[in-house]
Amino acid sequence: MIGIDPEYFWNRMSKDELTAICKAKNEAGKTSWEQTRLICFWNVVSMNGFKVYKKPEDLFKFSWEKKSKK
């Protein structure tokens, strides 16, 4: 799944290494979902124009995106 030798994972890997790998995998997942949203946005805009949706975030928001409070 993440391409680490099981022997290294169980016997030599530190907690800091594991934490860094988990954070990197999480960021990669976010990037993938943001790319998907951008593709969806351009498909919707190509059909309807910019009438309803002005930016990709208007389609849907992700849980990791914070709402800005003014």
C-alpha atoms as a PDB file:
ATOM      1  CA  MET A   1       0.000   0.000   0.000  1.00  0.00           C
ATOM      2  CA  ILE A   2       2.749   2.484   0.827  1.00  0.00           C
ATOM      3  CA  GLY A   3       5.684   0.476  -0.509  1.00  0.00           C
ATOM      4  CA  ILE A   4       7.639  -0.125   2.712  1.00  0.00           C
ATOM      5  CA  ASP A   5       9.456  -3.360   3.417  1.00  0.00           C
ATOM      6  CA  PRO A   6       7.555  -5.085   6.253  1.00  0.00           C
ATOM      7  CA  GLU A   7      10.795  -5.953   8.071  1.00  0.00           C
ATOM      8  CA  TYR A   8      11.831  -2.281   8.061  1.00  0.00           C
ATOM      9  CA  PHE A   9       8.343  -1.180   9.091  1.00  0.00           C
ATOM     10  CA  TRP A  10       8.085  -3.520  12.087  1.00  0.00           C
ATOM     11  CA  ASN A  11      11.693  -3.517  13.309  1.00  0.00           C
ATOM     12  CA  ARG A  12      13.463  -0.280  12.370  1.00  0.00           C
ATOM     13  CA  MET A  13      11.009   2.475  11.496  1.00  0.00           C
ATOM     14  CA  SER A  14      10.666   5.295  14.013  1.00  0.00           C
ATOM     15  CA  LYS A  15       7.397   6.921  15.030  1.00  0.00           C
ATOM     16  CA  ASP A  16       8.539  10.171  13.402  1.00  0.00           C
ATOM     17  CA  GLU A  17       9.017   8.400  10.069  1.00  0.00           C
ATOM     18  CA  LEU A  18       5.586   6.825  10.283  1.00  0.00           C
ATOM     19  CA  THR A  19       3.999  10.163  11.146  1.00  0.00           C
ATOM     20  CA  ALA A  20       5.676  11.824   8.158  1.00  0.00           C
ATOM     21  CA  ILE A  21       4.509   9.068   5.818  1.00  0.00           C
ATOM     22  CA  CYS A  22       0.930   9.302   7.079  1.00  0.00           C
ATOM     23  CA  LYS A  23       0.889  13.078   6.613  1.00  0.00           C
ATOM     24  CA  ALA A  24       2.283  12.750   3.084  1.00  0.00           C
ATOM     25  CA  LYS A  25      -0.348  10.143   2.138  1.00  0.00           C
ATOM     26  CA  ASN A  26      -3.086  12.384   3.535  1.00  0.00           C
ATOM     27  CA  GLU A  27      -1.857  15.377   1.508  1.00  0.00           C
ATOM     28  CA  ALA A  28      -1.672  13.244  -1.643  1.00  0.00           C
ATOM     29  CA  GLY A  29      -5.292  12.234  -1.113  1.00  0.00           C
ATOM     30  CA  LYS A  30      -6.363  15.847  -0.709  1.00  0.00           C
ATOM     31  CA  THR A  31      -4.560  16.839  -3.882  1.00  0.00           C
ATOM     32  CA  SER A  32      -6.284  14.053  -5.779  1.00  0.00           C
ATOM     33  CA  TRP A  33      -9.721  15.144  -4.584  1.00  0.00           C
ATOM     34  CA  GLU A  34      -8.994  18.787  -5.433  1.00  0.00           C
ATOM     35  CA  GLN A  35      -7.954  17.759  -8.948  1.00  0.00           C
ATOM     36  CA  THR A  36     -11.183  15.812  -9.302  1.00  0.00           C
ATOM     37  CA  ARG A  37     -13.209  18.822  -8.191  1.00  0.00           C
ATOM     38  CA  LEU A  38     -11.415  21.033 -10.724  1.00  0.00           C
ATOM     39  CA  ILE A  39     -12.200  18.603 -13.547  1.00  0.00           C
ATOM     40  CA  CYS A  40     -15.855  18.512 -12.454  1.00  0.00           C
ATOM     41  CA  PHE A  41     -15.933  22.304 -12.303  1.00  0.00           C
ATOM     42  CA  TRP A  42     -14.651  22.716 -15.865  1.00  0.00           C
ATOM     43  CA  ASN A  43     -17.142  20.135 -17.122  1.00  0.00           C
ATOM     44  CA  VAL A  44     -20.034  21.967 -15.478  1.00  0.00           C
ATOM     45  CA  VAL A  45     -18.807  25.367 -16.677  1.00  0.00           C
ATOM     46  CA  SER A  46     -18.397  24.081 -20.242  1.00  0.00           C
ATOM     47  CA  MET A  47     -22.076  23.112 -20.256  1.00  0.00           C
ATOM     48  CA  ASN A  48     -23.629  26.000 -18.301  1.00  0.00           C
ATOM     49  CA  GLY A  49     -21.081  28.787 -18.373  1.00  0.00           C
ATOM     50  CA  PHE A  50     -20.194  30.743 -15.237  1.00  0.00           C
ATOM     51  CA  LYS A  51     -23.858  31.414 -14.359  1.00  0.00           C
ATOM     52  CA  VAL A  52     -24.056  29.431 -11.115  1.00  0.00           C
ATOM     53  CA  TYR A  53     -20.494  28.391 -10.302  1.00  0.00           C
ATOM     54  CA  LYS A  54     -17.733  30.991 -10.300  1.00  0.00           C
ATOM     55  CA  LYS A  55     -14.964  28.836  -8.777  1.00  0.00           C
ATOM     56  CA  PRO A  56     -14.399  25.126  -8.042  1.00  0.00           C
ATOM     57  CA  GLU A  57     -15.180  25.609  -4.339  1.00  0.00           C
ATOM     58  CA  ASP A  58     -18.728  26.602  -5.297  1.00  0.00           C
ATOM     59  CA  LEU A  59     -19.437  23.033  -6.453  1.00  0.00           C
ATOM     60  CA  PHE A  60     -18.669  21.451  -3.096  1.00  0.00           C
ATOM     61  CA  LYS A  61     -16.393  22.026  -0.128  1.00  0.00           C
ATOM     62  CA  PHE A  62     -14.158  19.505   1.546  1.00  0.00           C
ATOM     63  CA  SER A  63     -14.062  18.875   5.268  1.00  0.00           C
ATOM     64  CA  TRP A  64     -10.459  20.117   5.452  1.00  0.00           C
ATOM     65  CA  GLU A  65     -11.358  23.495   3.993  1.00  0.00           C
ATOM     66  CA  LYS A  66     -12.095  25.979   6.730  1.00  0.00           C
ATOM     67  CA  LYS A  67     -14.905  28.451   6.426  1.00  0.00           C
ATOM     68  CA  SER A  68     -13.654  32.005   6.537  1.00  0.00           C
ATOM     69  CA  LYS A  69     -15.348  34.116   9.175  1.00  0.00           C
ATOM     70  CA  LYS A  70     -15.407  37.873   8.731  1.00  0.00           C
END
